[in-house]
């Protein structure tokens, strides 16, 4: 059983490395004036940072940008405070 698992893992790693050699990505730099979509990650544990993030999100949406945001909280109890 252990031999078959190690063989499958070896073959899987070999195939993955072979595919990774062919993968390329297009690198591109955008600022807020040329971007169409913005992602924001903020600390939701602090109520002030939540207020600033919300204001910034509203400002970006007024500019016509699509915005997706996520707040990270330390505990589940802190999430109940926010609407």
N, C-alpha and C. Protein backbone atom coordinates (compact mmCIF):
# COMPACT_ATOMS: atom_id res chain seq x y z
N UNK A 1 0.83 -1.19 0.00
CA UNK A 1 0.00 0.00 0.00
C UNK A 1 0.87 1.25 0.00
N UNK A 2 1.91 1.25 0.79
CA UNK A 2 2.76 2.42 0.88
C UNK A 2 3.55 2.62 -0.41
N UNK A 3 3.93 1.54 -1.06
CA UNK A 3 4.66 1.64 -2.32
C UNK A 3 3.79 2.26 -3.41
N UNK A 4 2.54 1.84 -3.48
CA UNK A 4 1.65 2.40 -4.51
C UNK A 4 1.38 3.88 -4.26
N UNK A 5 1.28 4.28 -3.01
CA UNK A 5 1.07 5.69 -2.69
C UNK A 5 2.27 6.52 -3.09
N UNK A 6 3.46 6.03 -2.81
CA UNK A 6 4.66 6.79 -3.16
C UNK A 6 4.85 6.86 -4.68
N UNK A 7 4.48 5.80 -5.39
CA UNK A 7 4.58 5.82 -6.85
C UNK A 7 3.59 6.83 -7.43
N UNK A 8 2.36 6.85 -6.91
CA UNK A 8 1.37 7.81 -7.40
C UNK A 8 1.81 9.24 -7.11
N UNK A 9 2.39 9.46 -5.94
CA UNK A 9 2.85 10.80 -5.59
C UNK A 9 4.01 11.22 -6.50
N UNK A 10 4.93 10.31 -6.79
CA UNK A 10 6.05 10.62 -7.67
C UNK A 10 5.56 10.97 -9.07
N UNK A 11 4.63 10.18 -9.59
CA UNK A 11 4.10 10.44 -10.93
C UNK A 11 3.32 11.76 -10.95
N UNK A 12 2.55 12.00 -9.90
CA UNK A 12 1.80 13.26 -9.82
C UNK A 12 2.72 14.47 -9.78
N UNK A 13 3.78 14.39 -9.00
CA UNK A 13 4.75 15.50 -8.94
C UNK A 13 5.45 15.69 -10.28
N UNK A 14 5.77 14.59 -10.94
CA UNK A 14 6.43 14.67 -12.25
C UNK A 14 5.52 15.37 -13.26
N UNK A 15 4.24 14.96 -13.31
CA UNK A 15 3.31 15.57 -14.26
C UNK A 15 3.04 17.03 -13.93
N UNK A 16 2.94 17.35 -12.65
CA UNK A 16 2.71 18.73 -12.24
C UNK A 16 3.89 19.62 -12.62
N UNK A 17 5.10 19.16 -12.38
CA UNK A 17 6.28 19.95 -12.73
C UNK A 17 6.39 20.13 -14.24
N UNK A 18 5.99 19.12 -15.00
CA UNK A 18 6.03 19.24 -16.46
C UNK A 18 5.02 20.28 -16.94
N UNK A 19 3.83 20.31 -16.32
CA UNK A 19 2.84 21.32 -16.70
C UNK A 19 3.26 22.72 -16.27
N UNK A 20 3.92 22.83 -15.13
CA UNK A 20 4.34 24.14 -14.64
C UNK A 20 5.37 24.78 -15.55
N UNK A 21 6.15 23.99 -16.25
CA UNK A 21 7.14 24.55 -17.17
C UNK A 21 6.47 25.25 -18.35
N UNK A 22 5.26 24.83 -18.70
CA UNK A 22 4.55 25.41 -19.85
C UNK A 22 3.66 26.59 -19.47
N UNK A 23 3.39 26.76 -18.20
CA UNK A 23 2.48 27.81 -17.76
C UNK A 23 3.21 29.15 -17.73
N UNK A 24 2.56 30.15 -18.28
CA UNK A 24 3.10 31.50 -18.20
C UNK A 24 1.97 32.44 -17.84
N UNK A 25 2.31 33.54 -17.25
CA UNK A 25 1.29 34.52 -16.89
C UNK A 25 1.69 35.87 -17.43
N UNK A 26 0.70 36.65 -17.73
CA UNK A 26 0.93 37.98 -18.25
C UNK A 26 0.99 38.95 -17.07
N UNK A 27 2.12 39.57 -16.87
CA UNK A 27 2.29 40.51 -15.77
C UNK A 27 1.85 41.89 -16.23
N UNK A 28 1.08 42.54 -15.39
CA UNK A 28 0.54 43.83 -15.76
C UNK A 28 0.40 44.68 -14.51
N UNK A 29 0.70 45.95 -14.63
CA UNK A 29 0.56 46.88 -13.51
C UNK A 29 -0.56 47.86 -13.83
N UNK A 30 -1.47 48.03 -12.90
CA UNK A 30 -2.56 48.99 -13.04
C UNK A 30 -2.64 49.86 -11.80
N UNK A 31 -2.94 51.12 -12.00
CA UNK A 31 -3.23 51.98 -10.87
C UNK A 31 -4.74 52.18 -10.79
N UNK A 32 -5.21 52.99 -9.88
CA UNK A 32 -6.65 53.14 -9.69
C UNK A 32 -7.35 53.78 -10.88
N UNK A 33 -6.63 54.57 -11.66
CA UNK A 33 -7.28 55.21 -12.81
C UNK A 33 -7.45 54.25 -13.98
N UNK A 34 -6.58 53.27 -14.11
CA UNK A 34 -6.69 52.35 -15.25
C UNK A 34 -7.31 51.01 -14.89
N UNK A 35 -7.59 50.76 -13.63
CA UNK A 35 -8.14 49.47 -13.24
C UNK A 35 -9.66 49.47 -13.37
N UNK A 36 -10.22 48.28 -13.50
CA UNK A 36 -11.66 48.11 -13.61
C UNK A 36 -12.23 47.39 -12.40
N UNK A 37 -11.39 46.65 -11.71
CA UNK A 37 -11.82 45.84 -10.58
C UNK A 37 -10.80 46.00 -9.46
N UNK A 38 -11.29 46.17 -8.22
CA UNK A 38 -10.41 46.37 -7.08
C UNK A 38 -10.82 45.40 -5.97
N UNK A 39 -9.85 44.74 -5.38
CA UNK A 39 -10.08 43.87 -4.23
C UNK A 39 -9.45 44.49 -3.00
N UNK A 40 -10.18 44.51 -1.89
CA UNK A 40 -9.70 45.12 -0.66
C UNK A 40 -9.81 44.10 0.47
N UNK A 41 -8.74 43.96 1.22
CA UNK A 41 -8.70 43.11 2.39
C UNK A 41 -8.36 44.00 3.58
N UNK A 42 -9.20 43.99 4.62
CA UNK A 42 -8.97 44.89 5.75
C UNK A 42 -9.19 44.16 7.06
N UNK A 43 -8.69 44.77 8.14
CA UNK A 43 -8.81 44.23 9.48
C UNK A 43 -10.17 44.62 10.04
N UNK A 44 -11.05 43.65 10.22
CA UNK A 44 -12.39 43.93 10.72
C UNK A 44 -12.46 43.89 12.24
N UNK A 45 -11.36 43.62 12.90
CA UNK A 45 -11.35 43.59 14.36
C UNK A 45 -11.47 45.00 14.93
N UNK A 46 -11.01 45.98 14.18
CA UNK A 46 -11.05 47.37 14.62
C UNK A 46 -12.21 48.07 13.92
N UNK A 47 -13.08 48.70 14.68
CA UNK A 47 -14.25 49.36 14.10
C UNK A 47 -13.85 50.56 13.23
N UNK A 48 -12.78 51.26 13.60
CA UNK A 48 -12.33 52.41 12.82
C UNK A 48 -11.86 51.99 11.43
N UNK A 49 -11.12 50.89 11.35
CA UNK A 49 -10.66 50.44 10.04
C UNK A 49 -11.83 49.99 9.18
N UNK A 50 -12.87 49.47 9.80
CA UNK A 50 -14.08 49.09 9.05
C UNK A 50 -14.75 50.33 8.47
N UNK A 51 -14.81 51.39 9.24
CA UNK A 51 -15.42 52.64 8.77
C UNK A 51 -14.61 53.23 7.62
N UNK A 52 -13.28 53.26 7.75
CA UNK A 52 -12.42 53.79 6.69
C UNK A 52 -12.51 52.94 5.43
N UNK A 53 -12.54 51.63 5.60
CA UNK A 53 -12.63 50.74 4.44
C UNK A 53 -13.96 50.94 3.72
N UNK A 54 -15.03 51.09 4.47
CA UNK A 54 -16.35 51.29 3.87
C UNK A 54 -16.40 52.60 3.09
N UNK A 55 -15.81 53.66 3.65
CA UNK A 55 -15.77 54.95 2.95
C UNK A 55 -14.94 54.85 1.68
N UNK A 56 -13.82 54.14 1.75
CA UNK A 56 -12.96 53.97 0.58
C UNK A 56 -13.67 53.16 -0.50
N UNK A 57 -14.40 52.13 -0.09
CA UNK A 57 -15.15 51.31 -1.04
C UNK A 57 -16.22 52.15 -1.74
N UNK A 58 -16.93 52.97 -0.99
CA UNK A 58 -17.95 53.82 -1.59
C UNK A 58 -17.34 54.82 -2.57
N UNK A 59 -16.16 55.35 -2.23
CA UNK A 59 -15.47 56.27 -3.13
C UNK A 59 -15.07 55.58 -4.43
N UNK A 60 -14.56 54.36 -4.32
CA UNK A 60 -14.18 53.62 -5.53
C UNK A 60 -15.39 53.28 -6.39
N UNK A 61 -16.51 52.95 -5.75
CA UNK A 61 -17.71 52.64 -6.51
C UNK A 61 -18.26 53.88 -7.21
N UNK A 62 -18.09 55.05 -6.60
CA UNK A 62 -18.51 56.29 -7.27
C UNK A 62 -17.68 56.55 -8.52
N UNK A 63 -16.43 56.09 -8.51
CA UNK A 63 -15.56 56.24 -9.68
C UNK A 63 -15.89 55.24 -10.78
N UNK A 64 -16.81 54.32 -10.51
CA UNK A 64 -17.21 53.35 -11.52
C UNK A 64 -16.43 52.05 -11.48
N UNK A 65 -15.73 51.78 -10.40
CA UNK A 65 -14.96 50.55 -10.29
C UNK A 65 -15.78 49.47 -9.60
N UNK A 66 -15.57 48.24 -10.01
CA UNK A 66 -16.18 47.12 -9.29
C UNK A 66 -15.28 46.80 -8.11
N UNK A 67 -15.88 46.67 -6.94
CA UNK A 67 -15.11 46.48 -5.72
C UNK A 67 -15.58 45.22 -5.00
N UNK A 68 -14.62 44.41 -4.58
CA UNK A 68 -14.91 43.27 -3.73
C UNK A 68 -14.04 43.41 -2.49
N UNK A 69 -14.63 43.28 -1.32
CA UNK A 69 -13.86 43.47 -0.10
C UNK A 69 -14.12 42.32 0.86
N UNK A 70 -13.14 42.11 1.73
CA UNK A 70 -13.26 41.09 2.77
C UNK A 70 -12.60 41.63 4.03
N UNK A 71 -13.29 41.47 5.13
CA UNK A 71 -12.75 41.87 6.42
C UNK A 71 -12.38 40.65 7.23
N UNK A 72 -11.23 40.67 7.84
CA UNK A 72 -10.75 39.56 8.65
C UNK A 72 -10.86 39.95 10.12
N UNK A 73 -11.58 39.14 10.91
CA UNK A 73 -11.75 39.40 12.33
C UNK A 73 -11.03 38.32 13.14
N UNK A 74 -10.58 38.70 14.32
CA UNK A 74 -9.87 37.76 15.18
C UNK A 74 -10.82 36.71 15.77
N UNK A 75 -12.00 37.14 16.19
CA UNK A 75 -12.95 36.21 16.79
C UNK A 75 -14.32 36.39 16.15
N UNK A 76 -15.17 35.39 16.32
CA UNK A 76 -16.51 35.45 15.74
C UNK A 76 -17.38 36.47 16.48
N UNK A 77 -17.08 36.76 17.72
CA UNK A 77 -17.88 37.72 18.48
C UNK A 77 -17.76 39.12 17.90
N UNK A 78 -16.61 39.45 17.33
CA UNK A 78 -16.41 40.78 16.77
C UNK A 78 -17.23 40.99 15.51
N UNK A 79 -17.55 39.94 14.81
CA UNK A 79 -18.30 40.06 13.56
C UNK A 79 -19.73 40.51 13.83
N UNK A 80 -20.29 40.14 14.96
CA UNK A 80 -21.67 40.50 15.28
C UNK A 80 -21.86 42.00 15.44
N UNK A 81 -20.79 42.73 15.73
CA UNK A 81 -20.90 44.17 15.92
C UNK A 81 -21.16 44.92 14.62
N UNK A 82 -20.75 44.35 13.50
CA UNK A 82 -20.86 45.04 12.22
C UNK A 82 -22.13 44.63 11.50
N UNK A 83 -22.72 45.58 10.77
CA UNK A 83 -23.94 45.23 10.01
C UNK A 83 -23.62 44.38 8.80
